[in-house]
Amino acid sequence: MLKTNVIGSVVVCLVLFAILGYLLSLGISIDWKFYFKVAAVVLVIATIIGIASSVGGKT
């Protein structure tokens, strides 16, 4: 995904780091289980979009 969809990779990283930074700035203790669940969902969606765009580009 990093080689074929750089913009998508940057967006995924920005979303994950923005959530983490926002929670840290509020001084809220982070529930790491929840954060990693959200991160996993975002990464799975990004992977599906990356695969779909790479397959769609080859046809």
PDB file of N, CA and C in Angstrom:
ATOM      1  N   MET A   1       0.822  -1.191   0.000  1.00  0.00           N
ATOM      2  CA  MET A   1       0.000   0.000   0.000  1.00  0.00           C
ATOM      3  C   MET A   1       0.863   1.250   0.000  1.00  0.00           C
ATOM      4  N   LEU A   2       1.975   1.224   0.691  1.00  0.00           N
ATOM      5  CA  LEU A   2       2.812   2.408   0.757  1.00  0.00           C
ATOM      6  C   LEU A   2       3.382   2.783  -0.599  1.00  0.00           C
ATOM      7  N   LYS A   3       3.647   1.789  -1.451  1.00  0.00           N
ATOM      8  CA  LYS A   3       4.230   2.080  -2.751  1.00  0.00           C
ATOM      9  C   LYS A   3       3.185   2.576  -3.744  1.00  0.00           C
ATOM     10  N   THR A   4       1.961   2.099  -3.623  1.00  0.00           N
ATOM     11  CA  THR A   4       0.958   2.421  -4.632  1.00  0.00           C
ATOM     12  C   THR A   4       0.040   3.565  -4.229  1.00  0.00           C
ATOM     13  N   ASN A   5      -0.141   3.783  -2.947  1.00  0.00           N
ATOM     14  CA  ASN A   5      -1.103   4.784  -2.502  1.00  0.00           C
ATOM     15  C   ASN A   5      -0.497   5.605  -1.366  1.00  0.00           C
ATOM     16  N   VAL A   6       0.417   6.488  -1.723  1.00  0.00           N
ATOM     17  CA  VAL A   6       1.134   7.275  -0.723  1.00  0.00           C
ATOM     18  C   VAL A   6       0.186   8.224  -0.004  1.00  0.00           C
ATOM     19  N   ILE A   7      -0.707   8.845  -0.725  1.00  0.00           N
ATOM     20  CA  ILE A   7      -1.635   9.798  -0.111  1.00  0.00           C
ATOM     21  C   ILE A   7      -2.545   9.085   0.879  1.00  0.00           C
ATOM     22  N   GLY A   8      -3.022   7.915   0.532  1.00  0.00           N
ATOM     23  CA  GLY A   8      -3.855   7.146   1.450  1.00  0.00           C
ATOM     24  C   GLY A   8      -3.105   6.749   2.705  1.00  0.00           C
ATOM     25  N   SER A   9      -1.850   6.389   2.553  1.00  0.00           N
ATOM     26  CA  SER A   9      -1.034   6.023   3.710  1.00  0.00           C
ATOM     27  C   SER A   9      -0.826   7.207   4.634  1.00  0.00           C
ATOM     28  N   VAL A  10      -0.591   8.368   4.053  1.00  0.00           N
ATOM     29  CA  VAL A  10      -0.411   9.581   4.854  1.00  0.00           C
ATOM     30  C   VAL A  10      -1.694   9.916   5.601  1.00  0.00           C
ATOM     31  N   VAL A  11      -2.828   9.777   4.948  1.00  0.00           N
ATOM     32  CA  VAL A  11      -4.111  10.069   5.592  1.00  0.00           C
ATOM     33  C   VAL A  11      -4.361   9.120   6.759  1.00  0.00           C
ATOM     34  N   VAL A  12      -4.075   7.843   6.578  1.00  0.00           N
ATOM     35  CA  VAL A  12      -4.268   6.869   7.653  1.00  0.00           C
ATOM     36  C   VAL A  12      -3.391   7.220   8.846  1.00  0.00           C
ATOM     37  N   CYS A  13      -2.131   7.531   8.593  1.00  0.00           N
ATOM     38  CA  CYS A  13      -1.228   7.900   9.692  1.00  0.00           C
ATOM     39  C   CYS A  13      -1.697   9.165  10.386  1.00  0.00           C
ATOM     40  N   LEU A  14      -2.136  10.150   9.620  1.00  0.00           N
ATOM     41  CA  LEU A  14      -2.615  11.393  10.221  1.00  0.00           C
ATOM     42  C   LEU A  14      -3.837  11.169  11.097  1.00  0.00           C
ATOM     43  N   VAL A  15      -4.754  10.334  10.650  1.00  0.00           N
ATOM     44  CA  VAL A  15      -5.953  10.050  11.442  1.00  0.00           C
ATOM     45  C   VAL A  15      -5.582   9.379  12.756  1.00  0.00           C
ATOM     46  N   LEU A  16      -4.732   8.372  12.694  1.00  0.00           N
ATOM     47  CA  LEU A  16      -4.357   7.650  13.908  1.00  0.00           C
ATOM     48  C   LEU A  16      -3.586   8.535  14.874  1.00  0.00           C
ATOM     49  N   PHE A  17      -2.640   9.319  14.359  1.00  0.00           N
ATOM     50  CA  PHE A  17      -1.871  10.196  15.240  1.00  0.00           C
ATOM     51  C   PHE A  17      -2.715  11.353  15.756  1.00  0.00           C
ATOM     52  N   ALA A  18      -3.692  11.808  14.981  1.00  0.00           N
ATOM     53  CA  ALA A  18      -4.571  12.875  15.445  1.00  0.00           C
ATOM     54  C   ALA A  18      -5.433  12.402  16.609  1.00  0.00           C
ATOM     55  N   ILE A  19      -5.950  11.192  16.519  1.00  0.00           N
ATOM     56  CA  ILE A  19      -6.743  10.640  17.623  1.00  0.00           C
ATOM     57  C   ILE A  19      -5.890  10.513  18.869  1.00  0.00           C
ATOM     58  N   LEU A  20      -4.690   9.990  18.718  1.00  0.00           N
ATOM     59  CA  LEU A  20      -3.788   9.822  19.854  1.00  0.00           C
ATOM     60  C   LEU A  20      -3.397  11.173  20.445  1.00  0.00           C
ATOM     61  N   GLY A  21      -3.045  12.126  19.607  1.00  0.00           N
ATOM     62  CA  GLY A  21      -2.666  13.454  20.085  1.00  0.00           C
ATOM     63  C   GLY A  21      -3.807  14.171  20.774  1.00  0.00           C
ATOM     64  N   TYR A  22      -5.005  14.034  20.242  1.00  0.00           N
ATOM     65  CA  TYR A  22      -6.170  14.674  20.851  1.00  0.00           C
ATOM     66  C   TYR A  22      -6.426  14.120  22.245  1.00  0.00           C
ATOM     67  N   LEU A  23      -6.368  12.819  22.382  1.00  0.00           N
ATOM     68  CA  LEU A  23      -6.600  12.214  23.694  1.00  0.00           C
ATOM     69  C   LEU A  23      -5.505  12.590  24.684  1.00  0.00           C
ATOM     70  N   LEU A  24      -4.271  12.643  24.224  1.00  0.00           N
ATOM     71  CA  LEU A  24      -3.178  13.029  25.113  1.00  0.00           C
ATOM     72  C   LEU A  24      -3.282  14.494  25.522  1.00  0.00           C
ATOM     73  N   SER A  25      -3.733  15.363  24.602  1.00  0.00           N
ATOM     74  CA  SER A  25      -3.846  16.784  24.928  1.00  0.00           C
ATOM     75  C   SER A  25      -4.955  17.041  25.937  1.00  0.00           C
ATOM     76  N   LEU A  26      -5.961  16.202  25.953  1.00  0.00           N
ATOM     77  CA  LEU A  26      -7.033  16.357  26.929  1.00  0.00           C
ATOM     78  C   LEU A  26      -6.629  15.838  28.301  1.00  0.00           C
ATOM     79  N   GLY A  27      -5.541  15.140  28.361  1.00  0.00           N
ATOM     80  CA  GLY A  27      -5.095  14.582  29.630  1.00  0.00           C
ATOM     81  C   GLY A  27      -5.878  13.355  30.041  1.00  0.00           C
ATOM     82  N   ILE A  28      -6.560  12.774  29.086  1.00  0.00           N
ATOM     83  CA  ILE A  28      -7.358  11.585  29.367  1.00  0.00           C
ATOM     84  C   ILE A  28      -6.434  10.375  29.348  1.00  0.00           C
ATOM     85  N   SER A  29      -6.609   9.518  30.322  1.00  0.00           N
ATOM     86  CA  SER A  29      -5.840   8.276  30.266  1.00  0.00           C
ATOM     87  C   SER A  29      -6.386   7.446  29.107  1.00  0.00           C
ATOM     88  N   ILE A  30      -5.496   6.990  28.286  1.00  0.00           N
ATOM     89  CA  ILE A  30      -5.892   6.314  27.056  1.00  0.00           C
ATOM     90  C   ILE A  30      -6.196   4.848  27.336  1.00  0.00           C
ATOM     91  N   ASP A  31      -7.359   4.432  26.874  1.00  0.00           N
ATOM     92  CA  ASP A  31      -7.701   3.013  26.908  1.00  0.00           C
ATOM     93  C   ASP A  31      -7.062   2.394  25.673  1.00  0.00           C
ATOM     94  N   TRP A  32      -5.901   1.780  25.847  1.00  0.00           N
ATOM     95  CA  TRP A  32      -5.120   1.298  24.722  1.00  0.00           C
ATOM     96  C   TRP A  32      -5.837   0.212  23.940  1.00  0.00           C
ATOM     97  N   LYS A  33      -6.656  -0.582  24.592  1.00  0.00           N
ATOM     98  CA  LYS A  33      -7.396  -1.622  23.867  1.00  0.00           C
ATOM     99  C   LYS A  33      -8.328  -0.986  22.842  1.00  0.00           C
ATOM    100  N   PHE A  34      -9.028   0.073  23.266  1.00  0.00           N
ATOM    101  CA  PHE A  34      -9.934   0.769  22.359  1.00  0.00           C
ATOM    102  C   PHE A  34      -9.155   1.434  21.230  1.00  0.00           C
ATOM    103  N   TYR A  35      -8.028   2.071  21.560  1.00  0.00           N
ATOM    104  CA  TYR A  35      -7.229   2.748  20.539  1.00  0.00           C
ATOM    105  C   TYR A  35      -6.741   1.762  19.484  1.00  0.00           C
ATOM    106  N   PHE A  36      -6.263   0.600  19.918  1.00  0.00           N
ATOM    107  CA  PHE A  36      -5.766  -0.374  18.952  1.00  0.00           C
ATOM    108  C   PHE A  36      -6.902  -0.995  18.146  1.00  0.00           C
ATOM    109  N   LYS A  37      -8.104  -1.084  18.721  1.00  0.00           N
ATOM    110  CA  LYS A  37      -9.252  -1.546  17.938  1.00  0.00           C
ATOM    111  C   LYS A  37      -9.578  -0.543  16.842  1.00  0.00           C
ATOM    112  N   VAL A  38      -9.577   0.750  17.187  1.00  0.00           N
ATOM    113  CA  VAL A  38      -9.835   1.790  16.192  1.00  0.00           C
ATOM    114  C   VAL A  38      -8.740   1.774  15.129  1.00  0.00           C
ATOM    115  N   ALA A  39      -7.486   1.643  15.564  1.00  0.00           N
ATOM    116  CA  ALA A  39      -6.366   1.596  14.622  1.00  0.00           C
ATOM    117  C   ALA A  39      -6.498   0.401  13.684  1.00  0.00           C
ATOM    118  N   ALA A  40      -6.901  -0.734  14.214  1.00  0.00           N
ATOM    119  CA  ALA A  40      -7.063  -1.927  13.388  1.00  0.00           C
ATOM    120  C   ALA A  40      -8.165  -1.738  12.354  1.00  0.00           C
ATOM    121  N   VAL A  41      -9.268  -1.138  12.754  1.00  0.00           N
ATOM    122  CA  VAL A  41     -10.371  -0.899  11.816  1.00  0.00           C
ATOM    123  C   VAL A  41      -9.923   0.044  10.704  1.00  0.00           C
ATOM    124  N   VAL A  42      -9.232   1.124  11.072  1.00  0.00           N
ATOM    125  CA  VAL A  42      -8.758   2.082  10.069  1.00  0.00           C
ATOM    126  C   VAL A  42      -7.772   1.410   9.116  1.00  0.00           C
ATOM    127  N   LEU A  43      -6.875   0.605   9.646  1.00  0.00           N
ATOM    128  CA  LEU A  43      -5.890  -0.056   8.796  1.00  0.00           C
ATOM    129  C   LEU A  43      -6.522  -1.101   7.881  1.00  0.00           C
ATOM    130  N   VAL A  44      -7.530  -1.812   8.368  1.00  0.00           N
ATOM    131  CA  VAL A  44      -8.220  -2.793   7.517  1.00  0.00           C
ATOM    132  C   VAL A  44      -8.948  -2.089   6.378  1.00  0.00           C
ATOM    133  N   ILE A  45      -9.621  -0.990   6.698  1.00  0.00           N
ATOM    134  CA  ILE A  45     -10.322  -0.235   5.650  1.00  0.00           C
ATOM    135  C   ILE A  45      -9.323   0.305   4.630  1.00  0.00           C
ATOM    136  N   ALA A  46      -8.197   0.829   5.117  1.00  0.00           N
ATOM    137  CA  ALA A  46      -7.175   1.351   4.204  1.00  0.00           C
ATOM    138  C   ALA A  46      -6.589   0.243   3.334  1.00  0.00           C
ATOM    139  N   THR A  47      -6.406  -0.931   3.906  1.00  0.00           N
ATOM    140  CA  THR A  47      -5.883  -2.060   3.137  1.00  0.00           C
ATOM    141  C   THR A  47      -6.862  -2.483   2.050  1.00  0.00           C
ATOM    142  N   ILE A  48      -8.138  -2.546   2.396  1.00  0.00           N
ATOM    143  CA  ILE A  48      -9.158  -2.917   1.409  1.00  0.00           C
ATOM    144  C   ILE A  48      -9.204  -1.895   0.279  1.00  0.00           C
ATOM    145  N   ILE A  49      -9.154  -0.615   0.629  1.00  0.00           N
ATOM    146  CA  ILE A  49      -9.176   0.428  -0.397  1.00  0.00           C
ATOM    147  C   ILE A  49      -7.917   0.355  -1.260  1.00  0.00           C
ATOM    148  N   GLY A  50      -6.767   0.108  -0.629  1.00  0.00           N
ATOM    149  CA  GLY A  50      -5.518  -0.006  -1.383  1.00  0.00           C
ATOM    150  C   GLY A  50      -5.530  -1.179  -2.337  1.00  0.00           C
ATOM    151  N   ILE A  51      -6.040  -2.313  -1.883  1.00  0.00           N
ATOM    152  CA  ILE A  51      -6.117  -3.496  -2.749  1.00  0.00           C
ATOM    153  C   ILE A  51      -7.103  -3.257  -3.886  1.00  0.00           C
ATOM    154  N   ALA A  52      -8.247  -2.666  -3.558  1.00  0.00           N
ATOM    155  CA  ALA A  52      -9.253  -2.411  -4.590  1.00  0.00           C
ATOM    156  C   ALA A  52      -8.733  -1.430  -5.635  1.00  0.00           C
ATOM    157  N   SER A  53      -8.002  -0.409  -5.201  1.00  0.00           N
ATOM    158  CA  SER A  53      -7.493   0.563  -6.168  1.00  0.00           C
ATOM    159  C   SER A  53      -6.372  -0.025  -7.017  1.00  0.00           C
ATOM    160  N   SER A  54      -5.560  -0.910  -6.441  1.00  0.00           N
ATOM    161  CA  SER A  54      -4.487  -1.513  -7.238  1.00  0.00           C
ATOM    162  C   SER A  54      -5.044  -2.531  -8.228  1.00  0.00           C
ATOM    163  N   VAL A  55      -6.077  -3.262  -7.841  1.00  0.00           N
ATOM    164  CA  VAL A  55      -6.706  -4.215  -8.757  1.00  0.00           C
ATOM    165  C   VAL A  55      -7.463  -3.464  -9.845  1.00  0.00           C
ATOM    166  N   GLY A  56      -8.140  -2.399  -9.467  1.00  0.00           N
ATOM    167  CA  GLY A  56      -8.893  -1.620 -10.441  1.00  0.00           C
ATOM    168  C   GLY A  56      -7.993  -0.937 -11.453  1.00  0.00           C
ATOM    169  N   GLY A  57      -6.785  -0.579 -11.043  1.00  0.00           N
ATOM    170  CA  GLY A  57      -5.863   0.086 -11.955  1.00  0.00           C
ATOM    171  C   GLY A  57      -5.247  -0.850 -12.975  1.00  0.00           C
ATOM    172  N   LYS A  58      -5.211  -2.146 -12.695  1.00  0.00           N
ATOM    173  CA  LYS A  58      -4.574  -3.112 -13.592  1.00  0.00           C
ATOM    174  C   LYS A  58      -5.500  -3.592 -14.696  1.00  0.00           C
ATOM    175  N   THR A  59      -6.805  -3.423 -14.535  1.00  0.00           N
ATOM    176  CA  THR A  59      -7.726  -3.930 -15.554  1.00  0.00           C
ATOM    177  C   THR A  59      -7.913  -2.959 -16.680  1.00  0.00           C
TER     178      THR A  59
END
